């Protein structure tokens, strides 16, 4: 049995595979019709800055205060789109200074003062000593962690067990 892969069939990106930022909104529209979805938790995004950054001593900051900052983003990743949307909502376009391959690389760039970055809290389990996080308040973007299963495929005993583990772990993380 071959794996089904999504391929763009029209336009300039014909033949390429779509990014998660493109596919996920389409899937959300159909989730209620074809899938059982369990909301596990919301992972709030925070600002990551060098400990020497002027904002480092602050507990929180609003996006409107960050208009003059240089930003580090995750290359072709939904987080880059999230940053752009959040900055536009605050009335400015982000100045993208660097692109990182992962959150650890973005932390390293922030640590040496190349810019600031956004990261979901759970992506910062191993936070460097030379960076700190700043809460973005109620305007902070949230990454929703969902557990999804196609309704037409009954779960196997192992799928049930791992789903229970995910739900229990999410409850522990949120308490």
Foldseek 3Di string as FASTA:
>chain_A
DDDDFDADCDDPRGGHGDDCLVVVVVVVVCCVPWKDKDFLDKFWKWKKAFCPDPCNVPQADALLVCQPWEEEEADPHVQVVVVQVRNVVSPHGHHHQYHDNAPVRRNVCRLVPSTMYMDGPVSCPPHDPRMDIHHHPPSTDIDTDMDMDGPVDDDDPVRVVVVVVSNVVSVVVVD
